[in-house]
């Protein structure tokens, strides 16, 4: 019977891994649809960002209590995977607790105890987070941004984590009871810190029932992890993986630094010094971004890395004053458009124009105009996502490609063009406004 279970496990492992790889490859392809951009500078600083922002949750600690709870979940997700590795090896080899046979018993006991403490912590924190979303209903989780699947998605993940941790602790509890009863195949590892306190729940069960329950929990736990792995690429919780590259490739310039357009800078230069203009200078193909193809791959990585936590929208002064703009919604709409293009490519083997674009079809003019470019959203994001970059690029396309700007802006543009300043004074009279009557 063991060989049948081994074959079944290897088959499930292979299918689960293949499906995850296939979707991960699609996401990578979608991200690389963006324009190329070089982030090869200052690698030491980038590794520091990765450790502090992604692993250390540095920005989360502006609210220490929430940060600690989130850190427990995050460390649980990373560290408990060592336990998952043992389960995978057990499933392939047909062994039971293979690491207990390979490493000192004291070290093995320490590791499992540590995993159990983390598992209990993850269970407790997920319950708290579920209550915050569905009972207390914090404002940023009750937003219209999250209507439909995004709201359900968060709950699916929390419930899945609660179930997986419960299965893990139940499996260990049954295992330790079976060890104490001297059942063959169950290696003595001693009591575990959490499961030993749960034994009273199952002590009344017979040995056969305990073996069945332990095996059912084992299978459900690992199948749940495979299911979670393949759900992850469709969920906002993809950020648990993409937070690492996104933190590494975060921009290192001061947040107030605006990325200029060389083509426009050259136009101004050539207007003032025509002798510098090359004879065969070609006009730029386009200005700004109308669709995701016009954004950089880093902007698209940002979209897939968004946690939908809403801290950016919570900090946005435009949103606070009732404007339509929501930086979280900007990222979600960018990801939705990118996913739609990805499906188009999957069907047609290449992108076939669908008469849609990120600008107008997904993100409205009203949203873009509400932005004050204050960088509050960028500062608030735990993983250094920049909704502002996308907003600025789309707004550039509006103004420079469509001549679509408010009348107030047009007056300023005209003054800059004619007077080299936003004010209606000629260059010779620029300091006239300082005169007092």
Protein backbone atom coordinates (compact mmCIF):
# COMPACT_ATOMS: atom_id res chain seq x y z
CA UNK A 1 0.00 0.00 0.00
CA UNK A 2 2.91 2.36 0.77
CA UNK A 3 4.17 2.26 -2.82
CA UNK A 4 0.69 3.25 -4.09
CA UNK A 5 0.65 6.29 -1.78
CA UNK A 6 4.19 7.19 -2.91
CA UNK A 7 3.19 7.08 -6.57
CA UNK A 8 0.05 9.10 -5.84
CA UNK A 9 2.04 11.68 -3.87
CA UNK A 10 4.70 12.04 -6.59
CA UNK A 11 1.97 12.47 -9.21
CA UNK A 12 0.23 15.21 -7.16
CA UNK A 13 3.58 16.90 -6.45
CA UNK A 14 4.50 16.88 -10.15
CA UNK A 15 1.13 18.26 -11.30
CA UNK A 16 1.07 20.94 -8.57
CA UNK A 17 4.63 22.05 -9.32
CA UNK A 18 4.03 22.13 -13.08
CA UNK A 19 0.85 24.21 -12.79
CA UNK A 20 2.57 26.69 -10.48
CA UNK A 21 5.58 26.96 -12.81
CA UNK A 22 3.30 27.50 -15.83
CA UNK A 23 1.41 30.37 -14.17
CA UNK A 24 4.62 31.87 -12.73
CA UNK A 25 6.14 31.87 -16.24
CA UNK A 26 3.05 33.69 -17.56
CA UNK A 27 3.36 36.35 -14.87
CA UNK A 28 7.06 36.82 -15.65
CA UNK A 29 6.22 37.17 -19.35
CA UNK A 30 3.50 39.74 -18.54
CA UNK A 31 5.88 41.80 -16.40
CA UNK A 32 8.50 41.81 -19.17
CA UNK A 33 5.94 43.30 -21.59
CA UNK A 34 6.91 46.61 -20.00
CA UNK A 35 9.74 48.81 -21.23
CA UNK A 36 13.26 47.85 -20.25
CA UNK A 37 14.88 49.67 -17.35
CA UNK A 38 18.25 49.12 -15.70
CA UNK A 39 18.44 48.55 -11.93
CA UNK A 40 22.00 47.23 -11.78
CA UNK A 41 23.36 50.06 -9.62
CA UNK A 42 24.29 50.03 -5.91
CA UNK A 43 23.73 46.32 -5.24
CA UNK A 44 24.71 46.60 -1.57
CA UNK A 45 21.93 49.12 -0.94
CA UNK A 46 19.47 46.95 -2.85
CA UNK A 47 20.27 43.86 -0.76
CA UNK A 48 19.85 45.99 2.34
CA UNK A 49 16.39 47.02 1.12
CA UNK A 50 15.48 43.41 0.46
CA UNK A 51 16.42 42.38 4.00
CA UNK A 52 14.87 45.38 5.78
CA UNK A 53 11.72 45.93 3.70
CA UNK A 54 10.75 42.44 2.52
CA UNK A 55 12.10 40.18 5.24
CA UNK A 56 12.26 42.62 8.18
CA UNK A 57 8.96 44.41 7.41
CA UNK A 58 10.65 47.74 8.26
CA UNK A 59 7.86 50.05 7.07
CA UNK A 60 5.19 48.03 8.88
CA UNK A 61 6.71 48.96 12.22
CA UNK A 62 5.15 52.42 12.06
CA UNK A 63 2.30 50.50 13.74
CA UNK A 64 4.23 48.08 16.00
CA UNK A 65 1.31 45.85 17.08
CA UNK A 66 0.09 45.20 13.52
CA UNK A 67 3.71 44.85 12.37
CA UNK A 68 4.44 42.12 14.92
CA UNK A 69 1.28 40.21 13.95
CA UNK A 70 2.12 40.49 10.26
CA UNK A 71 5.71 39.43 10.94
CA UNK A 72 4.44 36.29 12.72
CA UNK A 73 2.43 35.32 9.63
CA UNK A 74 5.30 36.12 7.30
CA UNK A 75 7.91 34.21 9.30
CA UNK A 76 5.45 31.37 9.67
CA UNK A 77 5.01 31.23 5.90
CA UNK A 78 8.79 31.17 5.33
CA UNK A 79 10.07 29.05 8.22
CA UNK A 80 7.32 26.43 8.38
CA UNK A 81 8.29 25.53 4.81
CA UNK A 82 11.16 23.57 6.38
CA UNK A 83 8.51 21.32 7.90
CA UNK A 84 6.80 21.14 4.50
CA UNK A 85 10.11 20.03 3.00
CA UNK A 86 10.18 17.09 5.42
CA UNK A 87 6.61 16.15 4.49
CA UNK A 88 7.49 16.24 0.78
CA UNK A 89 10.53 14.01 1.30
CA UNK A 90 8.46 11.65 3.46
CA UNK A 91 5.82 11.47 0.73
CA UNK A 92 8.38 10.67 -1.97
CA UNK A 93 10.36 8.11 0.05
CA UNK A 94 7.50 6.56 2.01
CA UNK A 95 9.26 7.37 5.30
CA UNK A 96 7.89 9.08 8.40
CA UNK A 97 9.67 12.09 9.96
CA UNK A 98 12.82 11.43 7.96
CA UNK A 99 14.67 14.43 9.44
CA UNK A 100 14.32 12.88 12.90
CA UNK A 101 16.49 10.03 11.63
CA UNK A 102 19.11 12.33 10.09
CA UNK A 103 19.71 15.04 12.68
CA UNK A 104 20.21 14.96 16.50
CA UNK A 105 16.95 14.39 18.38
CA UNK A 106 17.45 17.56 20.46
CA UNK A 107 17.75 19.69 17.31
CA UNK A 108 14.74 18.02 15.70
CA UNK A 109 12.65 18.56 18.82
CA UNK A 110 13.73 22.22 18.96
CA UNK A 111 12.75 22.77 15.31
CA UNK A 112 9.32 21.16 15.63
CA UNK A 113 8.65 23.10 18.83
CA UNK A 114 9.62 26.31 17.05
CA UNK A 115 7.34 25.40 14.12
CA UNK A 116 4.48 24.69 16.50
CA UNK A 117 4.86 28.04 18.28
CA UNK A 118 4.86 29.77 14.90
CA UNK A 119 1.88 27.71 13.72
CA UNK A 120 -0.10 28.66 16.83
CA UNK A 121 0.94 32.30 16.33
CA UNK A 122 -0.16 32.23 12.68
CA UNK A 123 -3.49 30.65 13.71
CA UNK A 124 -4.13 33.33 16.36
CA UNK A 125 -3.10 36.26 14.15
CA UNK A 126 -5.21 35.03 11.21
CA UNK A 127 -8.24 34.89 13.51
CA UNK A 128 -7.53 38.49 14.62
CA UNK A 129 -7.08 39.66 11.02
CA UNK A 130 -10.31 37.90 9.99
CA UNK A 131 -12.18 39.72 12.78
CA UNK A 132 -10.64 43.06 11.76
CA UNK A 133 -11.87 42.59 8.20
CA UNK A 134 -15.31 41.09 8.80
CA UNK A 135 -16.46 42.10 12.29
CA UNK A 136 -14.71 45.38 13.13
CA UNK A 137 -14.65 46.26 9.39
CA UNK A 138 -11.74 48.69 9.30
CA UNK A 139 -12.39 51.50 6.84
CA UNK A 140 -9.59 50.59 4.40
CA UNK A 141 -10.92 47.01 4.21
CA UNK A 142 -14.53 48.12 3.65
CA UNK A 143 -13.67 50.28 0.62
CA UNK A 144 -15.39 49.86 -2.74
CA UNK A 145 -11.92 49.10 -4.15
CA UNK A 146 -12.26 45.64 -2.65
CA UNK A 147 -15.81 44.86 -3.79
CA UNK A 148 -16.23 41.34 -5.15
CA UNK A 149 -13.31 38.94 -5.46
CA UNK A 150 -10.63 41.09 -3.71
CA UNK A 151 -12.61 41.01 -0.45
CA UNK A 152 -13.32 37.28 -0.75
CA UNK A 153 -9.69 36.62 -1.72
CA UNK A 154 -8.39 37.98 1.59
CA UNK A 155 -10.88 35.86 3.54
CA UNK A 156 -10.06 32.72 1.53
CA UNK A 157 -6.39 33.09 2.43
CA UNK A 158 -7.04 33.74 6.13
CA UNK A 159 -9.40 30.76 6.39
CA UNK A 160 -6.93 28.54 4.49
CA UNK A 161 -4.10 29.54 6.87
CA UNK A 162 -6.30 28.81 9.90
CA UNK A 163 -7.23 25.38 8.51
CA UNK A 164 -3.62 24.51 7.54
CA UNK A 165 -2.26 25.41 10.98
CA UNK A 166 -5.07 23.46 12.66
CA UNK A 167 -4.25 20.40 10.54
CA UNK A 168 -0.55 20.69 11.36
CA UNK A 169 -1.16 20.87 15.12
CA UNK A 170 -3.76 18.07 15.02
CA UNK A 171 -1.36 15.87 13.02
CA UNK A 172 1.42 16.44 15.56
CA UNK A 173 -0.91 15.81 18.51
CA UNK A 174 -2.04 12.46 17.11
CA UNK A 175 1.57 11.62 16.25
CA UNK A 176 2.83 12.21 19.80
CA UNK A 177 0.02 10.08 21.30
CA UNK A 178 0.84 7.26 18.88
CA UNK A 179 4.52 7.58 19.84
CA UNK A 180 3.62 7.19 23.51
CA UNK A 181 1.56 4.09 22.70
CA UNK A 182 4.56 2.57 20.95
CA UNK A 183 2.87 2.20 17.58
CA UNK A 184 5.22 0.99 14.88
CA UNK A 185 6.33 3.61 12.31
CA UNK A 186 5.91 6.52 14.77
CA UNK A 187 9.45 7.51 15.83
CA UNK A 188 9.92 8.77 19.39
CA UNK A 189 10.55 12.51 19.31
CA UNK A 190 9.19 13.49 22.72
CA UNK A 191 6.38 15.92 23.55
CA UNK A 192 5.94 19.10 21.56
CA UNK A 193 5.23 22.45 23.19
CA UNK A 194 1.75 23.06 21.72
CA UNK A 195 0.46 19.64 20.66
CA UNK A 196 1.29 18.09 24.05
CA UNK A 197 -1.33 20.43 25.57
CA UNK A 198 -3.92 19.30 23.02
CA UNK A 199 -3.60 15.56 23.68
CA UNK A 200 -6.61 15.53 26.04
CA UNK A 201 -8.85 16.16 23.01
CA UNK A 202 -7.80 12.92 21.28
CA UNK A 203 -6.70 10.61 24.14
CA UNK A 204 -10.09 8.90 24.13
CA UNK A 205 -9.69 7.69 20.55
CA UNK A 206 -8.49 4.20 19.75
CA UNK A 207 -5.10 3.62 18.15
CA UNK A 208 -6.62 2.81 14.76
CA UNK A 209 -8.72 5.97 14.76
CA UNK A 210 -5.71 8.06 15.73
CA UNK A 211 -3.65 6.59 12.87
CA UNK A 212 -6.42 7.38 10.40
CA UNK A 213 -6.82 10.93 11.77
CA UNK A 214 -3.06 11.55 11.68
CA UNK A 215 -2.83 10.35 8.06
CA UNK A 216 -5.92 12.34 7.00
CA UNK A 217 -4.41 15.50 8.54
CA UNK A 218 -1.07 14.76 6.88
CA UNK A 219 -2.66 14.43 3.43
CA UNK A 220 -5.03 17.37 3.85
CA UNK A 221 -2.17 19.55 5.11
CA UNK A 222 0.12 18.87 2.14
CA UNK A 223 -2.71 18.94 -0.41
CA UNK A 224 -3.84 22.25 1.09
CA UNK A 225 -0.32 23.62 0.65
CA UNK A 226 -0.22 22.51 -3.01
CA UNK A 227 -3.64 24.11 -3.55
CA UNK A 228 -2.49 27.29 -1.79
CA UNK A 229 0.65 27.37 -3.95
CA UNK A 230 -1.42 27.28 -7.13
CA UNK A 231 -3.98 29.78 -5.85
CA UNK A 232 -1.23 32.24 -4.93
CA UNK A 233 -0.53 33.53 -8.50
CA UNK A 234 -4.21 34.49 -8.87
CA UNK A 235 -4.33 36.23 -5.51
CA UNK A 236 -3.09 39.46 -3.98
CA UNK A 237 -1.04 37.21 -1.72
CA UNK A 238 1.42 36.74 -4.55
CA UNK A 239 3.17 39.58 -2.73
CA UNK A 240 4.63 37.05 -0.26
CA UNK A 241 6.92 36.00 -3.12
CA UNK A 242 7.23 39.19 -5.18
CA UNK A 243 7.92 41.46 -2.19
CA UNK A 244 11.54 40.26 -2.32
CA UNK A 245 12.38 41.26 -5.92
CA UNK A 246 10.20 44.35 -5.61
CA UNK A 247 12.13 45.54 -2.55
CA UNK A 248 15.45 44.77 -4.28
CA UNK A 249 14.49 46.79 -7.37
CA UNK A 250 13.03 49.72 -5.40
CA UNK A 251 14.18 53.13 -6.61
CA UNK A 252 17.05 54.50 -4.57
CA UNK A 253 16.58 58.17 -5.47
CA UNK A 254 14.84 60.50 -3.01
CA UNK A 255 11.07 60.12 -3.29
CA UNK A 256 10.60 63.68 -4.51
CA UNK A 257 12.75 63.02 -7.57
CA UNK A 258 10.63 63.05 -10.71
CA UNK A 259 11.81 60.97 -13.67
CA UNK A 260 12.29 63.40 -16.56
CA UNK A 261 11.67 62.68 -20.24
CA UNK A 262 14.95 63.03 -22.20
CA UNK A 263 13.07 63.62 -25.45
CA UNK A 264 11.33 66.68 -23.99
CA UNK A 265 14.51 67.96 -22.36
CA UNK A 266 16.25 67.73 -25.74
CA UNK A 267 13.40 69.56 -27.48
CA UNK A 268 13.79 72.45 -25.04
CA UNK A 269 17.56 72.39 -25.44
CA UNK A 270 17.33 72.44 -29.25
CA UNK A 271 14.79 75.29 -29.14
CA UNK A 272 17.25 77.39 -27.12
CA UNK A 273 20.37 76.19 -28.92
CA UNK A 274 19.36 75.10 -32.44
CA UNK A 275 22.98 74.49 -33.41
CA UNK A 276 23.03 71.43 -31.11
CA UNK A 277 20.11 69.71 -32.84
CA UNK A 278 21.18 66.69 -34.93
CA UNK A 279 20.18 66.88 -38.59
CA UNK A 280 18.50 63.46 -38.63
CA UNK A 281 16.84 63.68 -35.19
CA UNK A 282 13.68 61.56 -35.18
CA UNK A 283 10.60 62.66 -33.27
CA UNK A 284 9.73 60.53 -30.23
CA UNK A 285 7.22 57.77 -31.00
CA UNK A 286 5.03 58.68 -28.03
CA UNK A 287 4.99 60.51 -24.74
CA UNK A 288 3.99 59.00 -21.42
CA UNK A 289 1.96 55.80 -21.19
CA UNK A 290 -1.44 54.91 -22.61
CA UNK A 291 -1.29 51.18 -21.94
CA UNK A 292 0.81 48.77 -19.89
CA UNK A 293 3.25 48.29 -22.79
CA UNK A 294 4.32 51.93 -22.30
CA UNK A 295 5.13 51.47 -18.61
CA UNK A 296 8.41 50.03 -17.36
CA UNK A 297 8.66 46.41 -16.24
CA UNK A 298 9.22 47.72 -12.70
CA UNK A 299 5.79 49.43 -12.78
CA UNK A 300 4.26 46.10 -13.82
CA UNK A 301 6.15 44.25 -11.09
CA UNK A 302 4.70 46.82 -8.67
CA UNK A 303 1.20 45.95 -9.88
CA UNK A 304 1.68 42.23 -9.23
CA UNK A 305 3.37 42.93 -5.86
CA UNK A 306 0.50 45.04 -4.50
CA UNK A 307 -0.86 43.66 -1.22
CA UNK A 308 -4.14 45.62 -1.52
CA UNK A 309 -3.63 46.66 2.11
CA UNK A 310 -4.91 50.17 1.36
CA UNK A 311 -2.27 52.06 3.32
CA UNK A 312 -1.53 54.13 0.20
CA UNK A 313 -5.18 55.12 -0.22
CA UNK A 314 -5.49 55.78 3.51
CA UNK A 315 -2.59 58.26 3.26
CA UNK A 316 -3.73 59.92 0.00
CA UNK A 317 -4.90 63.51 0.63
CA UNK A 318 -6.99 63.48 -2.56
CA UNK A 319 -8.85 60.37 -1.42
CA UNK A 320 -9.28 61.74 2.11
CA UNK A 321 -11.02 64.82 0.71
CA UNK A 322 -13.47 62.69 -1.29
CA UNK A 323 -11.78 62.69 -4.71
CA UNK A 324 -12.15 59.64 -6.93
CA UNK A 325 -8.44 58.79 -6.78
CA UNK A 326 -7.38 55.63 -4.92
CA UNK A 327 -3.71 54.63 -5.36
CA UNK A 328 -4.62 51.05 -4.39
CA UNK A 329 -7.22 50.99 -7.18
CA UNK A 330 -4.60 52.30 -9.65
CA UNK A 331 -2.40 49.28 -8.90
CA UNK A 332 -5.29 46.81 -9.00
CA UNK A 333 -6.54 48.15 -12.35
CA UNK A 334 -3.03 48.00 -13.81
CA UNK A 335 -2.77 44.35 -12.76
CA UNK A 336 -6.25 43.61 -14.16
CA UNK A 337 -5.30 45.10 -17.52
CA UNK A 338 -2.04 43.17 -17.54
CA UNK A 339 -3.87 39.92 -16.79
CA UNK A 340 -6.35 40.63 -19.60
CA UNK A 341 -3.48 41.16 -22.05
CA UNK A 342 -1.85 37.95 -20.79
CA UNK A 343 -5.05 35.98 -21.56
CA UNK A 344 -5.14 37.59 -25.00
CA UNK A 345 -1.58 36.39 -25.67
CA UNK A 346 -2.38 32.89 -24.33
CA UNK A 347 -5.24 32.56 -26.80
CA UNK A 348 -3.67 34.20 -29.85
CA UNK A 349 0.04 33.41 -29.22
CA UNK A 350 0.66 37.17 -29.55
CA UNK A 351 -1.19 40.29 -28.49
CA UNK A 352 -4.11 41.11 -30.79
CA UNK A 353 -5.34 44.69 -30.42
CA UNK A 354 -8.55 44.68 -28.39
CA UNK A 355 -9.41 48.38 -28.73
CA UNK A 356 -8.83 48.89 -25.02
CA UNK A 357 -6.14 50.64 -23.03
CA UNK A 358 -5.19 51.17 -19.39
CA UNK A 359 -5.92 54.88 -19.82
CA UNK A 360 -9.68 55.57 -20.14
CA UNK A 361 -10.87 51.92 -20.14
CA UNK A 362 -9.43 51.11 -16.72
CA UNK A 363 -8.20 54.36 -15.18
CA UNK A 364 -10.21 57.54 -15.69
CA UNK A 365 -9.09 61.11 -16.36
CA UNK A 366 -10.77 62.22 -13.13
CA UNK A 367 -8.63 59.85 -11.07
CA UNK A 368 -5.42 61.04 -12.69
CA UNK A 369 -6.16 64.73 -12.29
CA UNK A 370 -6.93 64.34 -8.60
CA UNK A 371 -3.32 63.34 -7.81
CA UNK A 372 -1.19 66.04 -6.15
CA UNK A 373 2.07 64.06 -6.69
CA UNK A 374 2.78 64.39 -2.95
CA UNK A 375 4.34 60.88 -2.68
CA UNK A 376 2.24 59.99 0.39
CA UNK A 377 1.22 56.71 -1.28
CA UNK A 378 4.83 55.76 -2.00
CA UNK A 379 5.89 56.56 1.57
CA UNK A 380 3.03 54.50 3.01
CA UNK A 381 3.61 51.34 0.96
CA UNK A 382 5.26 48.53 2.98
CA UNK A 383 7.04 47.12 -0.10
CA UNK A 384 8.00 50.36 -1.91
CA UNK A 385 5.38 50.24 -4.66
CA UNK A 386 4.91 53.53 -6.54
CA UNK A 387 1.38 54.20 -7.83
CA UNK A 388 2.62 57.74 -8.50
CA UNK A 389 4.91 56.63 -11.35
CA UNK A 390 1.97 55.07 -13.20
CA UNK A 391 -0.22 58.12 -12.57
CA UNK A 392 2.44 60.51 -13.87
CA UNK A 393 3.08 58.45 -17.03
CA UNK A 394 -0.63 58.20 -17.82
CA UNK A 395 -1.08 61.90 -17.18
CA UNK A 396 1.80 62.69 -19.53
CA UNK A 397 0.04 60.76 -22.26
CA UNK A 398 -3.17 62.66 -21.59
CA UNK A 399 -1.49 66.04 -21.85
CA UNK A 400 1.10 65.44 -24.55
CA UNK A 401 -0.64 62.90 -26.77
CA UNK A 402 -4.27 63.97 -26.42
CA UNK A 403 -3.87 67.65 -25.42
CA UNK A 404 -6.28 66.74 -22.66
CA UNK A 405 -5.71 69.06 -19.71
CA UNK A 406 -7.75 71.55 -17.66
CA UNK A 407 -7.91 75.14 -18.84
CA UNK A 408 -5.94 76.25 -15.77
CA UNK A 409 -3.07 74.01 -16.80
CA UNK A 410 -3.16 75.28 -20.38
CA UNK A 411 -2.59 78.84 -19.19
CA UNK A 412 0.43 77.73 -17.19
CA UNK A 413 1.78 75.71 -20.15
CA UNK A 414 1.43 78.75 -22.40
CA UNK A 415 3.30 80.95 -19.93
CA UNK A 416 6.13 78.42 -19.62
CA UNK A 417 6.38 78.16 -23.41
CA UNK A 418 6.43 81.92 -23.97
CA UNK A 419 7.92 83.31 -20.76
CA UNK A 420 9.96 80.33 -19.48
CA UNK A 421 8.04 80.53 -16.18
CA UNK A 422 4.50 79.72 -14.95
CA UNK A 423 3.69 83.44 -14.48
CA UNK A 424 2.53 85.94 -17.08
CA UNK A 425 5.64 88.09 -16.97
CA UNK A 426 8.21 88.38 -19.72
CA UNK A 427 11.70 87.13 -18.81
CA UNK A 428 12.89 90.75 -18.63
CA UNK A 429 10.27 91.59 -16.01
CA UNK A 430 10.41 88.37 -13.99
CA UNK A 431 11.17 90.07 -10.67
CA UNK A 432 8.45 92.68 -11.10
CA UNK A 433 6.04 90.80 -8.85
CA UNK A 434 8.36 91.57 -5.91
CA UNK A 435 7.73 95.29 -6.18
CA UNK A 436 5.36 96.74 -3.62
CA UNK A 437 3.10 99.75 -4.01
